[in-house]
Structures are given as C-alpha cells and as structure tokens.
Amino acid sequence: MTNTSFPVGFILLGFSEWPQLENILFWIVAVFYIMIIFGNLMIIVLSCVDPRLHTPMYFFLSNLSFLELCFTTTTLPQMLSNLWGPDKTITYTGCVIQLCAFLCLGATECVLLVVMAFDRYVAVCNPLRYTIIINPLLCWKLALVAWLSGLVESLIQSPITLQMSFCAHHHIDDLLCEVPALIRLACGDTSSNEWQITISAILLTILPVGLILTSYGYIAKAVRKIKSEDGRKKAIGTCSSHLLVVFMFYGTVAMAYTDPKNSFASEHGKFFTFFYTVITPLLNPLIYTLRNKEVKEALQRFLKKWIKQ
C-alpha cells in the first residue's frame, strides 16, 4: 500500500534480524569512528602546521580528510544509535538531511579522487613542471569543482528521490537513508528513478574509474623510466595506496547504485553501505599515513614540538 501523505518518519531495519551481530557491530563502529576522527584530524593538522607538507598532494589529502569527517559524522552517529537499542526510527526531516548530505559528500569524494589521480599523474609524468602546472590557484579550482559537483548531484537527485510514493510501512531495509534503499521502499513505478540513479552512478563511478586507470597507465610507463630505485619505490607506494582506496570505494558504490533493484544489490545493500561508510573512511588515513614516510616524519616533528612546549 502506498502512503501519499507526509511521512512522519522511517524505520531503519539494519541488521535487526541478527541482534547479536548488532551488539558486536556497535563496538566495532564506535572504535572505528574514533579512529576515523583522530586519523583524519591528524592529517588536516599536519598539512596545515608543517611547511614541508604545503604541497598540492597534501592539500587534496586534507580536503579528502575533511570530507571523510563530514561524511562519517553524517552517517555513523545515526548508525550507532540504531545498533545500540531497539529504537531504529529516524524522522522524515532527519532522513532528508542525511540523504542530501550523503549524496553531496559521496559525489564530492568520487570527483576528488579523480583530482588526486590527476595530481599524481602530473607529479610522476611531469616532475619538472609539477609546481607550475599544479599551482595553488589550480588546486583551489579543482577542489571547488569537486565540492560543487557534489552539491549539484545532491540538489538534482534528492528532490527526485523524495517525490516518490513510499509504502505505508516505511521500513527501510538498510542502515541509512540513501537512494537505493528508498527506491526499494517506493510503491509504484520507479523506472525513471532507477534510470536517473544509474546514469549518476555511471558518471560518478564508472567514468572516474576509467579516467583514474588511464592516468595510472601513463604513470606506470613513467615509473619504468625512473632510474633511482628510491624514487621508483616512492612513486609506486604513493600510487598503489591511492589505487587501493579507489577500487574499494568505487567498487562498492557502483554495486549498490548502478542497479539498485537487482537481487544482489537488494540482498547485500546494507553490507555495501557498511563498507563505504565505515571501512573506506577508516582506511584512508591509515593508508596515507602508515605507508607515507613524509607524514610519519611530520608527525614526529609535531610531537617533539608539542612535548617541548
């Protein structure tokens, strides 16, 4: 049955059929959320206070860290609330805010990862002209393009999704208010919504992956020509960590959004959601800090100054 009246709220079912799993996931998500906050804050602080990190790469990385902080703050508190107790409701206003923010921040990250791949391409393939090409003004323009892309995606997709007629039970079989879950909740013909989200998914996942793989194809050719073994290892280490984040993030998002009503996405949608809202934001600071000598040295310098004071 369709509820055409203004909905009071929704019920996020999540993993309610597995209460024991919910108890375990609550503590996992809580610990991961703390690690995400501290890890991304550390990258932002170090990128601001350490002059050696005042480079385009760390400018984009601090943008990514700020994005992850906003992204997880939009999603994880609500997820923790749902995992903690029997009350799994979310108000309609809360659902709208979460949906809009989720679309904006998610689309921004899709574009920002392409920008970071372009930065690595120029750094490896045109090292002598790197500072000229990737100048501060271009950095700000590219970052602005990423954030505006996310805003446009949210402004277009959110009203289209919220105009659907939802089934009267208002039970969302997911952890969050996101487009695929709301499409599956809708009663009636949702083919136009499915086409729109599929097109958006192709533009924001498949196309970016193609651009990133193309840039890394050129990077691989350039790395072969590097005579210094240390320089080759540094280039491979930086690019491999970026590629790892790219495939994990885009892969799960593409599976959830490209065809939201197919049986595989319907059955495993909440697992995809858990991965790109919890696991990927955690891996970003870990990969970029544990595998990055410059960040570890900057952290050591920062701690030494802080201890002396």
C-alpha atoms as a PDB file:
ATOM      1  CA  MET A   1       0.000   0.000   0.000  1.00  0.00           C
ATOM      2  CA  THR A   2       1.174   3.495  -0.816  1.00  0.00           C
ATOM      3  CA  ASN A   3       1.271   6.278   1.765  1.00  0.00           C
ATOM      4  CA  THR A   4       0.761   9.529  -0.132  1.00  0.00           C
ATOM      5  CA  SER A   5       0.567  11.680   2.998  1.00  0.00           C
ATOM      6  CA  PHE A   6       3.573  13.447   4.501  1.00  0.00           C
ATOM      7  CA  PRO A   7       5.554  10.672   6.244  1.00  0.00           C
ATOM      8  CA  VAL A   8       6.303  11.083   9.954  1.00  0.00           C
ATOM      9  CA  GLY A   9       9.456   9.037   9.775  1.00  0.00           C
ATOM     10  CA  PHE A  10      11.092   5.806   8.743  1.00  0.00           C
ATOM     11  CA  ILE A  11      12.345   2.650  10.436  1.00  0.00           C
ATOM     12  CA  LEU A  12      15.906   1.642   9.516  1.00  0.00           C
ATOM     13  CA  LEU A  13      15.897  -2.138   9.851  1.00  0.00           C
ATOM     14  CA  GLY A  14      19.658  -2.528   9.503  1.00  0.00           C
ATOM     15  CA  PHE A  15      20.800  -5.857  10.975  1.00  0.00           C
ATOM     16  CA  SER A  16      17.783  -6.217  13.289  1.00  0.00           C
ATOM     17  CA  GLU A  17      17.346  -9.856  12.273  1.00  0.00           C
ATOM     18  CA  TRP A  18      20.764 -10.526  13.850  1.00  0.00           C
ATOM     19  CA  PRO A  19      20.699  -8.833  17.297  1.00  0.00           C
ATOM     20  CA  GLN A  20      23.946 -10.441  18.416  1.00  0.00           C
ATOM     21  CA  LEU A  21      25.701  -9.126  15.308  1.00  0.00           C
ATOM     22  CA  GLU A  22      24.345  -5.656  16.075  1.00  0.00           C
ATOM     23  CA  ASN A  23      25.942  -5.703  19.532  1.00  0.00           C
ATOM     24  CA  ILE A  24      29.316  -6.590  18.035  1.00  0.00           C
ATOM     25  CA  LEU A  25      28.983  -4.071  15.204  1.00  0.00           C
ATOM     26  CA  PHE A  26      28.134  -1.283  17.639  1.00  0.00           C
ATOM     27  CA  TRP A  27      31.521  -1.531  19.355  1.00  0.00           C
ATOM     28  CA  ILE A  28      33.352  -2.024  16.056  1.00  0.00           C
ATOM     29  CA  VAL A  29      31.724   1.070  14.552  1.00  0.00           C
ATOM     30  CA  ALA A  30      32.326   3.094  17.754  1.00  0.00           C
ATOM     31  CA  VAL A  31      36.051   2.241  17.781  1.00  0.00           C
ATOM     32  CA  PHE A  32      36.372   2.827  14.039  1.00  0.00           C
ATOM     33  CA  TYR A  33      34.570   6.185  14.332  1.00  0.00           C
ATOM     34  CA  ILE A  34      37.058   7.373  16.966  1.00  0.00           C
ATOM     35  CA  MET A  35      39.958   6.198  14.789  1.00  0.00           C
ATOM     36  CA  ILE A  36      38.463   7.954  11.743  1.00  0.00           C
ATOM     37  CA  ILE A  37      38.137  11.230  13.660  1.00  0.00           C
ATOM     38  CA  PHE A  38      41.666  11.182  15.083  1.00  0.00           C
ATOM     39  CA  GLY A  39      43.275   9.879  11.872  1.00  0.00           C
ATOM     40  CA  ASN A  40      41.700  12.472   9.597  1.00  0.00           C
ATOM     41  CA  LEU A  41      42.162  15.311  12.097  1.00  0.00           C
ATOM     42  CA  MET A  42      45.840  14.395  12.318  1.00  0.00           C
ATOM     43  CA  ILE A  43      46.237  14.645   8.538  1.00  0.00           C
ATOM     44  CA  ILE A  44      44.457  18.025   8.443  1.00  0.00           C
ATOM     45  CA  VAL A  45      46.508  19.453  11.338  1.00  0.00           C
ATOM     46  CA  LEU A  46      49.831  18.195   9.968  1.00  0.00           C
ATOM     47  CA  SER A  47      49.022  19.511   6.484  1.00  0.00           C
ATOM     48  CA  CYS A  48      48.341  22.948   7.988  1.00  0.00           C
ATOM     49  CA  VAL A  49      51.185  23.303  10.521  1.00  0.00           C
ATOM     50  CA  ASP A  50      54.077  21.555   8.765  1.00  0.00           C
ATOM     51  CA  PRO A  51      55.611  23.693   5.950  1.00  0.00           C
ATOM     52  CA  ARG A  52      57.046  20.576   4.261  1.00  0.00           C
ATOM     53  CA  LEU A  53      53.516  19.329   3.669  1.00  0.00           C
ATOM     54  CA  HIS A  54      52.366  22.535   1.981  1.00  0.00           C
ATOM     55  CA  THR A  55      52.157  20.786  -1.378  1.00  0.00           C
ATOM     56  CA  PRO A  56      49.239  20.078  -3.737  1.00  0.00           C
ATOM     57  CA  MET A  57      49.187  16.406  -2.770  1.00  0.00           C
ATOM     58  CA  TYR A  58      48.592  17.191   0.903  1.00  0.00           C
ATOM     59  CA  PHE A  59      46.189  19.998   0.058  1.00  0.00           C
ATOM     60  CA  PHE A  60      43.964  17.462  -1.717  1.00  0.00           C
ATOM     61  CA  LEU A  61      44.577  14.886   1.004  1.00  0.00           C
ATOM     62  CA  SER A  62      43.465  17.330   3.710  1.00  0.00           C
ATOM     63  CA  ASN A  63      40.351  18.022   1.598  1.00  0.00           C
ATOM     64  CA  LEU A  64      39.699  14.292   1.495  1.00  0.00           C
ATOM     65  CA  SER A  65      40.194  14.023   5.266  1.00  0.00           C
ATOM     66  CA  PHE A  66      37.783  16.903   5.931  1.00  0.00           C
ATOM     67  CA  LEU A  67      35.319  15.262   3.553  1.00  0.00           C
ATOM     68  CA  GLU A  68      35.589  11.950   5.428  1.00  0.00           C
ATOM     69  CA  LEU A  69      34.990  13.707   8.760  1.00  0.00           C
ATOM     70  CA  CYS A  70      31.792  15.279   7.409  1.00  0.00           C
ATOM     71  CA  PHE A  71      30.740  12.048   5.696  1.00  0.00           C
ATOM     72  CA  THR A  72      31.103   9.856   8.795  1.00  0.00           C
ATOM     73  CA  THR A  73      29.543  12.473  11.085  1.00  0.00           C
ATOM     74  CA  THR A  74      26.503  12.466   8.797  1.00  0.00           C
ATOM     75  CA  THR A  75      26.115   8.694   8.914  1.00  0.00           C
ATOM     76  CA  LEU A  76      27.815   6.973  11.854  1.00  0.00           C
ATOM     77  CA  PRO A  77      26.038   8.619  14.839  1.00  0.00           C
ATOM     78  CA  GLN A  78      22.681   7.502  13.420  1.00  0.00           C
ATOM     79  CA  MET A  79      24.126   4.058  12.696  1.00  0.00           C
ATOM     80  CA  LEU A  80      25.422   3.746  16.261  1.00  0.00           C
ATOM     81  CA  SER A  81      22.029   4.791  17.629  1.00  0.00           C
ATOM     82  CA  ASN A  82      20.303   2.117  15.565  1.00  0.00           C
ATOM     83  CA  LEU A  83      22.793  -0.587  16.506  1.00  0.00           C
ATOM     84  CA  TRP A  84      22.617   0.228  20.231  1.00  0.00           C
ATOM     85  CA  GLY A  85      18.949  -0.312  21.001  1.00  0.00           C
ATOM     86  CA  PRO A  86      15.547  -1.382  19.725  1.00  0.00           C
ATOM     87  CA  ASP A  87      14.578   2.129  18.593  1.00  0.00           C
ATOM     88  CA  LYS A  88      15.520   2.261  14.917  1.00  0.00           C
ATOM     89  CA  THR A  89      13.395   5.191  13.848  1.00  0.00           C
ATOM     90  CA  ILE A  90      14.568   8.276  12.015  1.00  0.00           C
ATOM     91  CA  THR A  91      12.389  11.336  11.474  1.00  0.00           C
ATOM     92  CA  TYR A  92      11.459  12.377   7.964  1.00  0.00           C
ATOM     93  CA  THR A  93      13.463  15.607   8.403  1.00  0.00           C
ATOM     94  CA  GLY A  94      16.436  13.641   9.657  1.00  0.00           C
ATOM     95  CA  CYS A  95      16.162  11.287   6.683  1.00  0.00           C
ATOM     96  CA  VAL A  96      16.030  14.208   4.232  1.00  0.00           C
ATOM     97  CA  ILE A  97      19.082  15.871   5.790  1.00  0.00           C
ATOM     98  CA  GLN A  98      21.015  12.607   5.808  1.00  0.00           C
ATOM     99  CA  LEU A  99      20.084  11.844   2.199  1.00  0.00           C
ATOM    100  CA  CYS A 100      21.097  15.297   0.928  1.00  0.00           C
ATOM    101  CA  ALA A 101      24.376  15.334   2.856  1.00  0.00           C
ATOM    102  CA  PHE A 102      25.157  11.734   1.903  1.00  0.00           C
ATOM    103  CA  LEU A 103      24.685  12.436  -1.818  1.00  0.00           C
ATOM    104  CA  CYS A 104      26.654  15.677  -1.705  1.00  0.00           C
ATOM    105  CA  LEU A 105      29.629  14.274   0.205  1.00  0.00           C
ATOM    106  CA  GLY A 106      29.658  10.947  -1.629  1.00  0.00           C
ATOM    107  CA  ALA A 107      29.634  12.587  -5.077  1.00  0.00           C
ATOM    108  CA  THR A 108      32.313  15.048  -3.951  1.00  0.00           C
ATOM    109  CA  GLU A 109      34.575  12.173  -2.960  1.00  0.00           C
ATOM    110  CA  CYS A 110      34.017  10.487  -6.328  1.00  0.00           C
ATOM    111  CA  VAL A 111      35.277  13.620  -8.122  1.00  0.00           C
ATOM    112  CA  LEU A 112      38.013  14.414  -5.591  1.00  0.00           C
ATOM    113  CA  LEU A 113      39.653  11.003  -6.065  1.00  0.00           C
ATOM    114  CA  VAL A 114      39.901  11.766  -9.802  1.00  0.00           C
ATOM    115  CA  VAL A 115      41.524  15.108  -8.980  1.00  0.00           C
ATOM    116  CA  MET A 116      44.042  13.341  -6.745  1.00  0.00           C
ATOM    117  CA  ALA A 117      44.821  10.885  -9.561  1.00  0.00           C
ATOM    118  CA  PHE A 118      45.433  13.824 -11.912  1.00  0.00           C
ATOM    119  CA  ASP A 119      47.769  15.359  -9.322  1.00  0.00           C
ATOM    120  CA  ARG A 120      49.776  12.105  -9.098  1.00  0.00           C
ATOM    121  CA  TYR A 121      49.870  11.875 -12.909  1.00  0.00           C
ATOM    122  CA  VAL A 122      51.439  15.322 -13.229  1.00  0.00           C
ATOM    123  CA  ALA A 123      53.828  14.688 -10.305  1.00  0.00           C
ATOM    124  CA  VAL A 124      55.189  11.476 -11.824  1.00  0.00           C
ATOM    125  CA  CYS A 125      54.960  12.192 -15.560  1.00  0.00           C
ATOM    126  CA  ASN A 126      55.919  15.913 -15.473  1.00  0.00           C
ATOM    127  CA  PRO A 127      58.010  16.317 -12.294  1.00  0.00           C
ATOM    128  CA  LEU A 128      59.965  19.357 -13.547  1.00  0.00           C
ATOM    129  CA  ARG A 129      56.797  21.263 -14.419  1.00  0.00           C
ATOM    130  CA  TYR A 130      54.736  19.954 -11.477  1.00  0.00           C
ATOM    131  CA  THR A 131      54.752  23.140  -9.383  1.00  0.00           C
ATOM    132  CA  ILE A 132      53.965  25.234 -12.455  1.00  0.00           C
ATOM    133  CA  ILE A 133      51.050  23.100 -13.650  1.00  0.00           C
ATOM    134  CA  ILE A 134      49.557  22.259 -10.231  1.00  0.00           C
ATOM    135  CA  ASN A 135      49.775  25.784  -8.832  1.00  0.00           C
ATOM    136  CA  PRO A 136      47.840  26.965  -5.742  1.00  0.00           C
ATOM    137  CA  LEU A 137      45.140  28.628  -7.829  1.00  0.00           C
ATOM    138  CA  LEU A 138      44.510  25.447  -9.833  1.00  0.00           C
ATOM    139  CA  CYS A 139      44.408  23.439  -6.591  1.00  0.00           C
ATOM    140  CA  TRP A 140      41.630  25.628  -5.230  1.00  0.00           C
ATOM    141  CA  LYS A 141      39.741  25.487  -8.546  1.00  0.00           C
ATOM    142  CA  LEU A 142      39.929  21.684  -8.705  1.00  0.00           C
ATOM    143  CA  ALA A 143      38.816  21.349  -5.089  1.00  0.00           C
ATOM    144  CA  LEU A 144      35.947  23.758  -5.759  1.00  0.00           C
ATOM    145  CA  VAL A 145      34.882  21.722  -8.817  1.00  0.00           C
ATOM    146  CA  ALA A 146      34.762  18.573  -6.666  1.00  0.00           C
ATOM    147  CA  TRP A 147      32.651  20.202  -3.947  1.00  0.00           C
ATOM    148  CA  LEU A 148      30.306  21.895  -6.447  1.00  0.00           C
ATOM    149  CA  SER A 149      29.837  18.570  -8.279  1.00  0.00           C
ATOM    150  CA  GLY A 150      28.649  17.002  -5.040  1.00  0.00           C
ATOM    151  CA  LEU A 151      26.306  19.894  -4.344  1.00  0.00           C
ATOM    152  CA  VAL A 152      24.781  19.690  -7.839  1.00  0.00           C
ATOM    153  CA  GLU A 153      24.293  15.913  -7.520  1.00  0.00           C
ATOM    154  CA  SER A 154      22.509  16.383  -4.204  1.00  0.00           C
ATOM    155  CA  LEU A 155      20.299  19.206  -5.493  1.00  0.00           C
ATOM    156  CA  ILE A 156      19.240  17.121  -8.504  1.00  0.00           C
ATOM    157  CA  GLN A 157      18.900  13.642  -7.004  1.00  0.00           C
ATOM    158  CA  SER A 158      17.414  14.410  -3.570  1.00  0.00           C
ATOM    159  CA  PRO A 159      14.127  16.044  -4.728  1.00  0.00           C
ATOM    160  CA  ILE A 160      13.622  13.320  -7.356  1.00  0.00           C
ATOM    161  CA  THR A 161      14.041  10.604  -4.722  1.00  0.00           C
ATOM    162  CA  LEU A 162      11.847  12.289  -2.106  1.00  0.00           C
ATOM    163  CA  GLN A 163       8.967  12.807  -4.571  1.00  0.00           C
ATOM    164  CA  MET A 164       8.363   9.054  -4.794  1.00  0.00           C
ATOM    165  CA  SER A 165       5.340   7.488  -3.077  1.00  0.00           C
ATOM    166  CA  PHE A 166       6.620   5.286  -0.287  1.00  0.00           C
ATOM    167  CA  CYS A 167       4.982   2.136   1.026  1.00  0.00           C
ATOM    168  CA  ALA A 168       2.918   2.687   4.164  1.00  0.00           C
ATOM    169  CA  HIS A 169       5.095   0.545   6.463  1.00  0.00           C
ATOM    170  CA  HIS A 170       8.096   2.904   5.978  1.00  0.00           C
ATOM    171  CA  HIS A 171      10.550   0.087   6.740  1.00  0.00           C
ATOM    172  CA  ILE A 172      13.920   0.803   5.089  1.00  0.00           C
ATOM    173  CA  ASP A 173      15.989  -2.350   4.800  1.00  0.00           C
ATOM    174  CA  ASP A 174      19.275  -0.515   5.219  1.00  0.00           C
ATOM    175  CA  LEU A 175      21.454   1.277   7.763  1.00  0.00           C
ATOM    176  CA  LEU A 176      20.898   4.762   6.323  1.00  0.00           C
ATOM    177  CA  CYS A 177      18.543   6.881   4.255  1.00  0.00           C
ATOM    178  CA  GLU A 178      20.188   6.502   0.859  1.00  0.00           C
ATOM    179  CA  VAL A 179      18.788   6.447  -2.653  1.00  0.00           C
ATOM    180  CA  PRO A 180      18.856   2.680  -3.453  1.00  0.00           C
ATOM    181  CA  ALA A 181      17.111   1.819  -0.169  1.00  0.00           C
ATOM    182  CA  LEU A 182      14.422   4.479  -0.715  1.00  0.00           C
ATOM    183  CA  ILE A 183      13.836   3.275  -4.293  1.00  0.00           C
ATOM    184  CA  ARG A 184      13.271  -0.254  -2.958  1.00  0.00           C
ATOM    185  CA  LEU A 185      10.833   1.177  -0.393  1.00  0.00           C
ATOM    186  CA  ALA A 186       8.782   3.005  -3.023  1.00  0.00           C
ATOM    187  CA  CYS A 187       5.481   1.596  -4.253  1.00  0.00           C
ATOM    188  CA  GLY A 188       4.608   2.046  -7.890  1.00  0.00           C
ATOM    189  CA  ASP A 189       6.700   2.619 -10.989  1.00  0.00           C
ATOM    190  CA  THR A 190      10.256   3.662 -10.116  1.00  0.00           C
ATOM    191  CA  SER A 191      11.828   3.006 -13.524  1.00  0.00           C
ATOM    192  CA  SER A 192      12.608   6.697 -14.115  1.00  0.00           C
ATOM    193  CA  ASN A 193      14.273   6.972 -10.702  1.00  0.00           C
ATOM    194  CA  GLU A 194      16.284   3.827 -11.399  1.00  0.00           C
ATOM    195  CA  TRP A 195      17.476   5.211 -14.735  1.00  0.00           C
ATOM    196  CA  GLN A 196      18.470   8.510 -13.142  1.00  0.00           C
ATOM    197  CA  ILE A 197      20.452   6.906 -10.338  1.00  0.00           C
ATOM    198  CA  THR A 198      22.072   4.507 -12.821  1.00  0.00           C
ATOM    199  CA  ILE A 199      23.192   7.406 -15.019  1.00  0.00           C
ATOM    200  CA  SER A 200      24.522   9.237 -11.953  1.00  0.00           C
ATOM    201  CA  ALA A 201      26.346   6.092 -10.822  1.00  0.00           C
ATOM    202  CA  ILE A 202      27.976   5.707 -14.248  1.00  0.00           C
ATOM    203  CA  LEU A 203      29.053   9.365 -14.322  1.00  0.00           C
ATOM    204  CA  LEU A 204      30.378   9.299 -10.753  1.00  0.00           C
ATOM    205  CA  THR A 205      31.868   5.792 -10.540  1.00  0.00           C
ATOM    206  CA  ILE A 206      32.460   4.074 -13.897  1.00  0.00           C
ATOM    207  CA  LEU A 207      33.693   7.212 -15.700  1.00  0.00           C
ATOM    208  CA  PRO A 208      36.026   8.290 -12.849  1.00  0.00           C
ATOM    209  CA  VAL A 209      37.498   4.780 -12.619  1.00  0.00           C
ATOM    210  CA  GLY A 210      38.209   4.902 -16.355  1.00  0.00           C
ATOM    211  CA  LEU A 211      39.942   8.283 -16.018  1.00  0.00           C
ATOM    212  CA  ILE A 212      41.940   7.106 -12.997  1.00  0.00           C
ATOM    213  CA  LEU A 213      43.069   3.904 -14.715  1.00  0.00           C
ATOM    214  CA  THR A 214      44.101   5.919 -17.789  1.00  0.00           C
ATOM    215  CA  SER A 215      46.196   8.284 -15.669  1.00  0.00           C
ATOM    216  CA  TYR A 216      47.815   5.376 -13.851  1.00  0.00           C
ATOM    217  CA  GLY A 217      48.592   3.721 -17.166  1.00  0.00           C
ATOM    218  CA  TYR A 218      50.712   6.751 -18.027  1.00  0.00           C
ATOM    219  CA  ILE A 219      52.150   6.747 -14.520  1.00  0.00           C
ATOM    220  CA  ALA A 220      53.204   3.097 -14.890  1.00  0.00           C
ATOM    221  CA  LYS A 221      55.082   3.955 -18.093  1.00  0.00           C
ATOM    222  CA  ALA A 222      56.797   6.911 -16.398  1.00  0.00           C
ATOM    223  CA  VAL A 223      57.764   4.848 -13.332  1.00  0.00           C
ATOM    224  CA  ARG A 224      59.632   2.378 -15.551  1.00  0.00           C
ATOM    225  CA  LYS A 225      61.882   5.209 -16.746  1.00  0.00           C
ATOM    226  CA  ILE A 226      62.824   6.326 -13.212  1.00  0.00           C
ATOM    227  CA  LYS A 227      66.468   5.296 -12.700  1.00  0.00           C
ATOM    228  CA  SER A 228      66.518   5.850  -8.931  1.00  0.00           C
ATOM    229  CA  GLU A 229      65.245   2.822  -7.052  1.00  0.00           C
ATOM    230  CA  ASP A 230      64.159   5.003  -4.101  1.00  0.00           C
ATOM    231  CA  GLY A 231      62.241   7.302  -6.435  1.00  0.00           C
ATOM    232  CA  ARG A 232      60.575   4.328  -8.110  1.00  0.00           C
ATOM    233  CA  LYS A 233      59.564   2.829  -4.763  1.00  0.00           C
ATOM    234  CA  LYS A 234      58.196   6.177  -3.551  1.00  0.00           C
ATOM    235  CA  ALA A 235      56.109   6.639  -6.706  1.00  0.00           C
ATOM    236  CA  ILE A 236      54.793   3.073  -6.581  1.00  0.00           C
ATOM    237  CA  GLY A 237      53.994   3.324  -2.842  1.00  0.00           C
ATOM    238  CA  THR A 238      52.064   6.569  -3.181  1.00  0.00           C
ATOM    239  CA  CYS A 239      50.123   5.476  -6.263  1.00  0.00           C
ATOM    240  CA  SER A 240      49.352   1.956  -5.038  1.00  0.00           C
ATOM    241  CA  SER A 241      47.821   3.308  -1.827  1.00  0.00           C
ATOM    242  CA  HIS A 242      45.638   5.673  -3.851  1.00  0.00           C
ATOM    243  CA  LEU A 243      44.564   2.858  -6.179  1.00  0.00           C
ATOM    244  CA  LEU A 244      43.644   0.643  -3.218  1.00  0.00           C
ATOM    245  CA  VAL A 245      41.295   3.317  -1.855  1.00  0.00           C
ATOM    246  CA  VAL A 246      39.875   3.935  -5.329  1.00  0.00           C
ATOM    247  CA  PHE A 247      38.934   0.329  -6.086  1.00  0.00           C
ATOM    248  CA  MET A 248      37.402  -0.313  -2.662  1.00  0.00           C
ATOM    249  CA  PHE A 249      35.341   2.876  -2.679  1.00  0.00           C
ATOM    250  CA  TYR A 250      34.158   2.941  -6.291  1.00  0.00           C
ATOM    251  CA  GLY A 251      33.597  -0.819  -6.399  1.00  0.00           C
ATOM    252  CA  THR A 252      31.144  -0.964  -3.504  1.00  0.00           C
ATOM    253  CA  VAL A 253      29.367   2.256  -4.515  1.00  0.00           C
ATOM    254  CA  ALA A 254      28.947   1.031  -8.108  1.00  0.00           C
ATOM    255  CA  MET A 255      27.479  -2.309  -6.972  1.00  0.00           C
ATOM    256  CA  ALA A 256      24.948  -0.546  -4.733  1.00  0.00           C
ATOM    257  CA  TYR A 257      23.927   2.310  -7.049  1.00  0.00           C
ATOM    258  CA  THR A 258      24.247   1.120 -10.651  1.00  0.00           C
ATOM    259  CA  ASP A 259      21.190  -1.175 -10.451  1.00  0.00           C
ATOM    260  CA  PRO A 260      19.543  -0.611  -7.035  1.00  0.00           C
ATOM    261  CA  LYS A 261      16.654  -3.061  -7.515  1.00  0.00           C
ATOM    262  CA  ASN A 262      18.588  -6.103  -8.701  1.00  0.00           C
ATOM    263  CA  SER A 263      18.548  -9.070  -6.317  1.00  0.00           C
ATOM    264  CA  PHE A 264      22.257  -8.891  -5.450  1.00  0.00           C
ATOM    265  CA  ALA A 265      22.110  -5.183  -4.517  1.00  0.00           C
ATOM    266  CA  SER A 266      18.880  -5.715  -2.566  1.00  0.00           C
ATOM    267  CA  GLU A 267      20.275  -8.606  -0.538  1.00  0.00           C
ATOM    268  CA  HIS A 268      23.707  -7.145   0.133  1.00  0.00           C
ATOM    269  CA  GLY A 269      22.950  -3.403   0.034  1.00  0.00           C
ATOM    270  CA  LYS A 270      23.437  -2.886   3.766  1.00  0.00           C
ATOM    271  CA  PHE A 271      26.829  -4.622   3.624  1.00  0.00           C
ATOM    272  CA  PHE A 272      27.933  -2.294   0.814  1.00  0.00           C
ATOM    273  CA  THR A 273      26.674   0.652   2.866  1.00  0.00           C
ATOM    274  CA  PHE A 274      28.628  -0.519   5.889  1.00  0.00           C
ATOM    275  CA  PHE A 275      31.779  -0.850   3.797  1.00  0.00           C
ATOM    276  CA  TYR A 276      31.819   2.575   2.129  1.00  0.00           C
ATOM    277  CA  THR A 277      30.583   4.437   5.218  1.00  0.00           C
ATOM    278  CA  VAL A 278      32.804   2.736   7.825  1.00  0.00           C
ATOM    279  CA  ILE A 279      35.669   0.762   6.303  1.00  0.00           C
ATOM    280  CA  THR A 280      36.782   3.104   3.482  1.00  0.00           C
ATOM    281  CA  PRO A 281      36.877   6.277   5.654  1.00  0.00           C
ATOM    282  CA  LEU A 282      38.983   4.322   8.168  1.00  0.00           C
ATOM    283  CA  LEU A 283      41.408   3.025   5.534  1.00  0.00           C
ATOM    284  CA  ASN A 284      42.059   6.464   4.014  1.00  0.00           C
ATOM    285  CA  PRO A 285      44.072   7.908   6.944  1.00  0.00           C
ATOM    286  CA  LEU A 286      45.680   4.539   7.713  1.00  0.00           C
ATOM    287  CA  ILE A 287      46.909   4.011   4.147  1.00  0.00           C
ATOM    288  CA  TYR A 288      48.070   7.580   3.635  1.00  0.00           C
ATOM    289  CA  THR A 289      49.902   7.760   6.997  1.00  0.00           C
ATOM    290  CA  LEU A 290      51.293   4.276   7.639  1.00  0.00           C
ATOM    291  CA  ARG A 291      52.584   3.988   4.055  1.00  0.00           C
ATOM    292  CA  ASN A 292      53.830   7.576   3.829  1.00  0.00           C
ATOM    293  CA  LYS A 293      57.270   8.485   5.170  1.00  0.00           C
ATOM    294  CA  GLU A 294      56.671  12.245   4.905  1.00  0.00           C
ATOM    295  CA  VAL A 295      53.549  12.116   7.088  1.00  0.00           C
ATOM    296  CA  LYS A 296      55.296   9.979   9.732  1.00  0.00           C
ATOM    297  CA  GLU A 297      58.233  12.401   9.834  1.00  0.00           C
ATOM    298  CA  ALA A 298      55.864  15.378  10.077  1.00  0.00           C
ATOM    299  CA  LEU A 299      54.053  13.672  12.966  1.00  0.00           C
ATOM    300  CA  GLN A 300      57.351  13.094  14.776  1.00  0.00           C
ATOM    301  CA  ARG A 301      58.306  16.767  14.364  1.00  0.00           C
ATOM    302  CA  PHE A 302      54.878  17.884  15.569  1.00  0.00           C
ATOM    303  CA  LEU A 303      55.015  15.634  18.664  1.00  0.00           C
ATOM    304  CA  LYS A 304      58.535  16.826  19.532  1.00  0.00           C
ATOM    305  CA  LYS A 305      57.439  20.478  19.370  1.00  0.00           C
ATOM    306  CA  TRP A 306      54.295  19.715  21.379  1.00  0.00           C
ATOM    307  CA  ILE A 307      56.277  17.883  24.097  1.00  0.00           C
ATOM    308  CA  LYS A 308      58.837  20.711  24.383  1.00  0.00           C
ATOM    309  CA  GLN A 309      56.072  23.254  24.893  1.00  0.00           C
END
